[in-house]
Amino acid sequence: MNKSLNLLVTNIRNSAIKKKIYALVPYSSLNAAVLNVLYEEGFISTFLKKMDNNITCSYEVKLRPNNYVFFKKAYIYPASSVGADVTYEYLKTRLISNVFFGILSTSEGVMSLQSAVSKKIGGKIILLLK
């Protein structure tokens, strides 16, 4: 899995465990797409690009306190399927019943598992949470 994506999940989970309002996550275009899906699905309040000394860049993510429980229990599942290409039929019949939330990269962009199923498209698994 992508290192910056792993840091994104870990930093958000650690902030939720400590009941912090903000988490700092690495800057990348993939992280921006994943944060946008989390924002659209209501898991985070907002995220802003932040420059540190004009050298490094990161995102400041504002968590929703009512989603602390979700992020505390969040982990990547199963590791072997992350990065796998999946068809719509597989998503509809097998994956959606076993996963609480997922994010995929599709031909129409990065989107949630539920959005991909409703649009009847498959894609590459980025993140699965159970």
N, C-alpha and C. Protein backbone atom coordinates (compact mmCIF):
# COMPACT_ATOMS: atom_id res chain seq x y z
N MET A 1 0.84 -1.18 0.00
CA MET A 1 0.00 0.00 0.00
C MET A 1 0.89 1.24 0.00
N ASN A 2 0.35 2.30 -0.52
CA ASN A 2 1.03 3.58 -0.59
C ASN A 2 1.36 4.08 0.82
N LYS A 3 2.62 4.50 1.03
CA LYS A 3 3.06 4.93 2.37
C LYS A 3 2.27 6.14 2.88
N SER A 4 2.01 7.13 2.00
CA SER A 4 1.29 8.32 2.46
C SER A 4 -0.16 7.97 2.82
N LEU A 5 -0.75 7.01 2.12
CA LEU A 5 -2.11 6.57 2.44
C LEU A 5 -2.13 5.85 3.79
N ASN A 6 -1.11 5.04 4.04
CA ASN A 6 -0.99 4.37 5.32
C ASN A 6 -0.86 5.38 6.46
N LEU A 7 -0.06 6.43 6.25
CA LEU A 7 0.08 7.49 7.25
C LEU A 7 -1.22 8.25 7.45
N LEU A 8 -1.98 8.46 6.38
CA LEU A 8 -3.28 9.13 6.48
C LEU A 8 -4.20 8.37 7.43
N VAL A 9 -4.34 7.07 7.20
CA VAL A 9 -5.22 6.24 8.03
C VAL A 9 -4.71 6.20 9.47
N THR A 10 -3.41 6.01 9.65
CA THR A 10 -2.83 5.92 10.99
C THR A 10 -2.98 7.23 11.76
N ASN A 11 -2.68 8.36 11.12
CA ASN A 11 -2.76 9.65 11.81
C ASN A 11 -4.19 10.01 12.19
N ILE A 12 -5.14 9.71 11.32
CA ILE A 12 -6.54 9.98 11.65
C ILE A 12 -7.00 9.07 12.79
N ARG A 13 -6.64 7.79 12.72
CA ARG A 13 -7.03 6.85 13.78
C ARG A 13 -6.42 7.27 15.12
N ASN A 14 -5.14 7.63 15.14
CA ASN A 14 -4.49 8.04 16.39
C ASN A 14 -5.12 9.30 16.96
N SER A 15 -5.47 10.25 16.11
CA SER A 15 -6.14 11.47 16.59
C SER A 15 -7.51 11.15 17.18
N ALA A 16 -8.22 10.22 16.55
CA ALA A 16 -9.54 9.83 17.06
C ALA A 16 -9.42 9.14 18.41
N ILE A 17 -8.42 8.27 18.55
CA ILE A 17 -8.21 7.58 19.82
C ILE A 17 -7.94 8.58 20.95
N LYS A 18 -7.18 9.63 20.64
CA LYS A 18 -6.85 10.67 21.63
C LYS A 18 -7.93 11.74 21.73
N LYS A 19 -9.01 11.58 20.95
CA LYS A 19 -10.14 12.51 20.90
C LYS A 19 -9.70 13.92 20.53
N LYS A 20 -8.75 14.02 19.62
CA LYS A 20 -8.33 15.31 19.09
C LYS A 20 -9.27 15.72 17.96
N ILE A 21 -9.41 17.00 17.77
CA ILE A 21 -10.29 17.51 16.71
C ILE A 21 -9.59 17.49 15.36
N TYR A 22 -8.28 17.70 15.35
CA TYR A 22 -7.52 17.79 14.10
C TYR A 22 -6.50 16.67 13.98
N ALA A 23 -6.24 16.28 12.74
CA ALA A 23 -5.16 15.34 12.42
C ALA A 23 -4.35 15.94 11.28
N LEU A 24 -3.07 15.73 11.30
CA LEU A 24 -2.18 16.20 10.24
C LEU A 24 -1.77 15.00 9.40
N VAL A 25 -2.03 15.05 8.09
CA VAL A 25 -1.71 13.93 7.21
C VAL A 25 -0.85 14.41 6.04
N PRO A 26 -0.04 13.51 5.48
CA PRO A 26 0.85 13.91 4.38
C PRO A 26 0.10 14.39 3.15
N TYR A 27 0.74 15.28 2.41
CA TYR A 27 0.18 15.81 1.18
C TYR A 27 0.48 14.85 0.02
N SER A 28 -0.55 14.49 -0.73
CA SER A 28 -0.40 13.77 -1.99
C SER A 28 -1.73 13.88 -2.72
N SER A 29 -1.71 13.69 -4.02
CA SER A 29 -2.96 13.78 -4.78
C SER A 29 -3.89 12.63 -4.41
N LEU A 30 -3.34 11.45 -4.12
CA LEU A 30 -4.17 10.32 -3.70
C LEU A 30 -4.83 10.61 -2.36
N ASN A 31 -4.06 11.16 -1.41
CA ASN A 31 -4.64 11.51 -0.10
C ASN A 31 -5.74 12.56 -0.26
N ALA A 32 -5.55 13.51 -1.17
CA ALA A 32 -6.58 14.52 -1.41
C ALA A 32 -7.86 13.88 -1.92
N ALA A 33 -7.73 12.92 -2.82
CA ALA A 33 -8.91 12.23 -3.35
C ALA A 33 -9.61 11.41 -2.27
N VAL A 34 -8.83 10.72 -1.43
CA VAL A 34 -9.41 9.93 -0.34
C VAL A 34 -10.08 10.84 0.68
N LEU A 35 -9.43 11.94 1.04
CA LEU A 35 -10.03 12.89 1.99
C LEU A 35 -11.31 13.49 1.43
N ASN A 36 -11.35 13.73 0.13
CA ASN A 36 -12.55 14.26 -0.49
C ASN A 36 -13.72 13.26 -0.37
N VAL A 37 -13.44 11.97 -0.55
CA VAL A 37 -14.49 10.95 -0.39
C VAL A 37 -14.94 10.90 1.07
N LEU A 38 -13.99 10.94 2.02
CA LEU A 38 -14.36 10.93 3.44
C LEU A 38 -15.20 12.16 3.79
N TYR A 39 -14.89 13.29 3.19
CA TYR A 39 -15.67 14.51 3.41
C TYR A 39 -17.08 14.37 2.82
N GLU A 40 -17.17 13.89 1.59
CA GLU A 40 -18.47 13.73 0.94
C GLU A 40 -19.37 12.75 1.68
N GLU A 41 -18.76 11.72 2.28
CA GLU A 41 -19.53 10.71 3.01
C GLU A 41 -19.81 11.13 4.45
N GLY A 42 -19.29 12.29 4.88
CA GLY A 42 -19.60 12.82 6.20
C GLY A 42 -18.72 12.33 7.33
N PHE A 43 -17.60 11.69 7.02
CA PHE A 43 -16.72 11.17 8.07
C PHE A 43 -15.80 12.24 8.65
N ILE A 44 -15.49 13.28 7.86
CA ILE A 44 -14.66 14.38 8.36
C ILE A 44 -15.38 15.70 8.07
N SER A 45 -15.08 16.72 8.87
CA SER A 45 -15.72 18.03 8.69
C SER A 45 -15.12 18.81 7.54
N THR A 46 -13.79 18.82 7.47
CA THR A 46 -13.10 19.59 6.44
C THR A 46 -11.64 19.15 6.38
N PHE A 47 -10.96 19.54 5.31
CA PHE A 47 -9.51 19.35 5.23
C PHE A 47 -8.92 20.50 4.43
N LEU A 48 -7.79 21.00 4.92
CA LEU A 48 -7.15 22.16 4.31
C LEU A 48 -5.67 21.87 4.06
N LYS A 49 -5.18 22.36 2.93
CA LYS A 49 -3.76 22.24 2.62
C LYS A 49 -2.99 23.22 3.51
N LYS A 50 -1.91 22.74 4.12
CA LYS A 50 -1.15 23.56 5.06
C LYS A 50 0.33 23.51 4.68
N MET A 51 0.94 24.70 4.59
CA MET A 51 2.37 24.80 4.29
C MET A 51 3.14 25.04 5.59
N ASP A 52 4.23 24.29 5.76
CA ASP A 52 5.11 24.47 6.92
C ASP A 52 6.44 25.03 6.45
N ASN A 53 6.72 26.27 6.76
CA ASN A 53 7.99 26.93 6.41
C ASN A 53 8.28 26.92 4.91
N ASN A 54 7.25 26.91 4.09
CA ASN A 54 7.40 26.88 2.63
C ASN A 54 8.24 25.70 2.14
N ILE A 55 8.39 24.67 2.95
CA ILE A 55 9.20 23.50 2.56
C ILE A 55 8.31 22.27 2.43
N THR A 56 7.58 21.96 3.47
CA THR A 56 6.74 20.77 3.45
C THR A 56 5.27 21.17 3.41
N CYS A 57 4.50 20.27 2.87
CA CYS A 57 3.07 20.52 2.72
C CYS A 57 2.31 19.33 3.30
N SER A 58 1.20 19.59 3.94
CA SER A 58 0.37 18.54 4.51
C SER A 58 -1.08 18.99 4.50
N TYR A 59 -1.96 18.10 4.93
CA TYR A 59 -3.38 18.43 5.08
C TYR A 59 -3.73 18.43 6.55
N GLU A 60 -4.47 19.45 6.96
CA GLU A 60 -5.01 19.50 8.31
C GLU A 60 -6.46 19.04 8.20
N VAL A 61 -6.76 17.92 8.84
CA VAL A 61 -8.08 17.29 8.73
C VAL A 61 -8.85 17.54 10.01
N LYS A 62 -10.06 18.08 9.88
CA LYS A 62 -10.91 18.29 11.05
C LYS A 62 -11.88 17.11 11.14
N LEU A 63 -11.79 16.39 12.25
CA LEU A 63 -12.62 15.20 12.46
C LEU A 63 -13.98 15.59 13.01
N ARG A 64 -14.95 14.75 12.78
CA ARG A 64 -16.28 14.90 13.39
C ARG A 64 -16.29 14.06 14.67
N PRO A 65 -16.55 14.68 15.82
CA PRO A 65 -16.53 13.92 17.08
C PRO A 65 -17.46 12.71 17.09
N ASN A 66 -18.58 12.77 16.38
CA ASN A 66 -19.49 11.62 16.36
C ASN A 66 -18.93 10.46 15.54
N ASN A 67 -17.83 10.65 14.82
CA ASN A 67 -17.20 9.56 14.06
C ASN A 67 -15.94 9.03 14.71
N TYR A 68 -15.64 9.46 15.95
CA TYR A 68 -14.46 8.95 16.63
C TYR A 68 -14.49 7.43 16.73
N VAL A 69 -15.65 6.87 17.03
CA VAL A 69 -15.77 5.42 17.18
C VAL A 69 -15.41 4.72 15.87
N PHE A 70 -15.87 5.26 14.75
CA PHE A 70 -15.55 4.68 13.45
C PHE A 70 -14.05 4.68 13.21
N PHE A 71 -13.40 5.80 13.44
CA PHE A 71 -11.97 5.89 13.17
C PHE A 71 -11.14 5.09 14.16
N LYS A 72 -11.60 4.95 15.40
CA LYS A 72 -10.87 4.15 16.39
C LYS A 72 -10.79 2.69 15.95
N LYS A 73 -11.86 2.21 15.31
CA LYS A 73 -11.92 0.81 14.90
C LYS A 73 -11.47 0.60 13.46
N ALA A 74 -11.08 1.66 12.78
CA ALA A 74 -10.71 1.56 11.38
C ALA A 74 -9.37 0.87 11.20
N TYR A 75 -9.36 -0.06 10.29
CA TYR A 75 -8.11 -0.68 9.87
C TYR A 75 -8.28 -1.14 8.44
N ILE A 76 -7.17 -1.40 7.79
CA ILE A 76 -7.22 -1.79 6.39
C ILE A 76 -7.47 -3.29 6.34
N TYR A 77 -8.49 -3.68 5.58
CA TYR A 77 -8.91 -5.08 5.57
C TYR A 77 -9.34 -5.48 4.19
N PRO A 78 -9.06 -6.68 3.73
CA PRO A 78 -7.87 -7.45 4.08
C PRO A 78 -6.70 -6.93 3.27
N ALA A 79 -5.52 -7.00 3.79
CA ALA A 79 -4.35 -6.40 3.14
C ALA A 79 -4.10 -7.01 1.76
N SER A 80 -4.42 -8.28 1.57
CA SER A 80 -4.15 -8.93 0.29
C SER A 80 -5.03 -8.38 -0.83
N SER A 81 -6.19 -7.81 -0.51
CA SER A 81 -7.08 -7.33 -1.57
C SER A 81 -6.85 -5.87 -1.93
N VAL A 82 -6.07 -5.15 -1.12
CA VAL A 82 -5.81 -3.74 -1.43
C VAL A 82 -4.95 -3.68 -2.69
N GLY A 83 -5.39 -2.90 -3.65
CA GLY A 83 -4.70 -2.79 -4.92
C GLY A 83 -5.25 -3.74 -5.97
N ALA A 84 -6.17 -4.60 -5.60
CA ALA A 84 -6.74 -5.56 -6.55
C ALA A 84 -7.78 -4.88 -7.44
N ASP A 85 -7.83 -5.32 -8.69
CA ASP A 85 -8.89 -4.88 -9.59
C ASP A 85 -10.12 -5.73 -9.34
N VAL A 86 -11.27 -5.10 -9.20
CA VAL A 86 -12.50 -5.84 -8.94
C VAL A 86 -13.58 -5.41 -9.93
N THR A 87 -14.43 -6.35 -10.28
CA THR A 87 -15.53 -6.06 -11.19
C THR A 87 -16.74 -5.59 -10.40
N TYR A 88 -17.71 -5.02 -11.11
CA TYR A 88 -18.95 -4.59 -10.47
C TYR A 88 -19.66 -5.77 -9.84
N GLU A 89 -19.70 -6.91 -10.53
CA GLU A 89 -20.40 -8.09 -10.00
C GLU A 89 -19.80 -8.55 -8.68
N TYR A 90 -18.48 -8.52 -8.58
CA TYR A 90 -17.82 -8.90 -7.33
C TYR A 90 -18.16 -7.91 -6.23
N LEU A 91 -18.15 -6.63 -6.56
CA LEU A 91 -18.51 -5.61 -5.57
C LEU A 91 -19.92 -5.84 -5.05
N LYS A 92 -20.84 -6.07 -5.98
CA LYS A 92 -22.25 -6.19 -5.63
C LYS A 92 -22.53 -7.45 -4.82
N THR A 93 -21.95 -8.56 -5.21
CA THR A 93 -22.33 -9.83 -4.58
C THR A 93 -21.51 -10.20 -3.36
N ARG A 94 -20.22 -9.87 -3.33
CA ARG A 94 -19.38 -10.36 -2.25
C ARG A 94 -18.81 -9.28 -1.35
N LEU A 95 -18.27 -8.24 -1.94
CA LEU A 95 -17.50 -7.28 -1.15
C LEU A 95 -18.37 -6.38 -0.29
N ILE A 96 -19.45 -5.85 -0.85
CA ILE A 96 -20.25 -4.85 -0.12
C ILE A 96 -20.89 -5.44 1.14
N SER A 97 -21.15 -6.74 1.15
CA SER A 97 -21.77 -7.34 2.34
C SER A 97 -20.76 -7.59 3.46
N ASN A 98 -19.46 -7.60 3.14
CA ASN A 98 -18.43 -7.90 4.13
C ASN A 98 -17.65 -6.68 4.61
N VAL A 99 -17.89 -5.52 4.02
CA VAL A 99 -17.09 -4.33 4.31
C VAL A 99 -18.00 -3.19 4.73
N PHE A 100 -17.61 -2.47 5.80
CA PHE A 100 -18.39 -1.32 6.27
C PHE A 100 -18.24 -0.13 5.33
N PHE A 101 -17.01 0.13 4.89
CA PHE A 101 -16.75 1.28 4.04
C PHE A 101 -15.53 0.99 3.18
N GLY A 102 -15.55 1.43 1.94
CA GLY A 102 -14.41 1.22 1.06
C GLY A 102 -14.24 2.39 0.11
N ILE A 103 -13.02 2.52 -0.42
CA ILE A 103 -12.72 3.56 -1.40
C ILE A 103 -12.04 2.89 -2.58
N LEU A 104 -12.50 3.21 -3.78
CA LEU A 104 -11.96 2.64 -5.01
C LEU A 104 -11.51 3.72 -5.97
N SER A 105 -10.55 3.36 -6.82
CA SER A 105 -10.16 4.20 -7.94
C SER A 105 -10.82 3.59 -9.17
N THR A 106 -11.69 4.35 -9.81
CA THR A 106 -12.43 3.84 -10.96
C THR A 106 -12.13 4.69 -12.20
N SER A 107 -12.74 4.30 -13.32
CA SER A 107 -12.57 5.08 -14.54
C SER A 107 -13.22 6.46 -14.40
N GLU A 108 -14.11 6.64 -13.43
CA GLU A 108 -14.77 7.92 -13.19
C GLU A 108 -14.15 8.68 -12.02
N GLY A 109 -13.01 8.21 -11.51
CA GLY A 109 -12.34 8.87 -10.40
C GLY A 109 -12.41 8.06 -9.12
N VAL A 110 -11.87 8.64 -8.04
CA VAL A 110 -11.87 7.98 -6.73
C VAL A 110 -13.24 8.17 -6.10
N MET A 111 -13.82 7.07 -5.60
CA MET A 111 -15.16 7.14 -5.01
C MET A 111 -15.35 6.05 -3.97
N SER A 112 -16.41 6.18 -3.20
CA SER A 112 -16.71 5.18 -2.18
C SER A 112 -17.21 3.90 -2.84
N LEU A 113 -17.09 2.82 -2.10
CA LEU A 113 -17.57 1.52 -2.56
C LEU A 113 -19.05 1.57 -2.91
N GLN A 114 -19.82 2.23 -2.05
CA GLN A 114 -21.26 2.32 -2.28
C GLN A 114 -21.58 3.10 -3.55
N SER A 115 -20.83 4.16 -3.83
CA SER A 115 -21.04 4.93 -5.06
C SER A 115 -20.71 4.10 -6.29
N ALA A 116 -19.64 3.31 -6.22
CA ALA A 116 -19.26 2.45 -7.35
C ALA A 116 -20.34 1.41 -7.63
N VAL A 117 -20.90 0.84 -6.57
CA VAL A 117 -21.97 -0.15 -6.74
C VAL A 117 -23.21 0.50 -7.35
N SER A 118 -23.56 1.70 -6.87
CA SER A 118 -24.76 2.37 -7.41
C SER A 118 -24.56 2.79 -8.86
N LYS A 119 -23.32 3.08 -9.27
CA LYS A 119 -23.03 3.45 -10.67
C LYS A 119 -22.72 2.23 -11.53
N LYS A 120 -22.68 1.04 -10.90
CA LYS A 120 -22.43 -0.23 -11.58
C LYS A 120 -21.08 -0.25 -12.29
N ILE A 121 -20.04 0.19 -11.58
CA ILE A 121 -18.69 0.14 -12.13
C ILE A 121 -17.75 -0.51 -11.13
N GLY A 122 -16.69 -1.10 -11.64
CA GLY A 122 -15.65 -1.70 -10.81
C GLY A 122 -14.46 -0.77 -10.78
N GLY A 123 -13.36 -1.24 -10.21
CA GLY A 123 -12.17 -0.41 -10.15
C GLY A 123 -11.09 -1.05 -9.33
N LYS A 124 -10.12 -0.27 -8.92
CA LYS A 124 -9.00 -0.75 -8.13
C LYS A 124 -9.24 -0.35 -6.67
N ILE A 125 -9.11 -1.32 -5.78
CA ILE A 125 -9.34 -1.07 -4.35
C ILE A 125 -8.19 -0.23 -3.80
N ILE A 126 -8.54 0.88 -3.17
CA ILE A 126 -7.55 1.71 -2.48
C ILE A 126 -7.55 1.42 -1.00
N LEU A 127 -8.75 1.34 -0.42
CA LEU A 127 -8.87 1.22 1.03
C LEU A 127 -10.16 0.50 1.37
N LEU A 128 -10.06 -0.47 2.28
CA LEU A 128 -11.23 -1.16 2.80
C LEU A 128 -11.23 -1.05 4.31
N LEU A 129 -12.37 -0.72 4.89
CA LEU A 129 -12.51 -0.64 6.34
C LEU A 129 -13.63 -1.56 6.77
N LYS A 130 -13.37 -2.34 7.81
CA LYS A 130 -14.39 -3.26 8.29
C LYS A 130 -14.61 -3.06 9.76
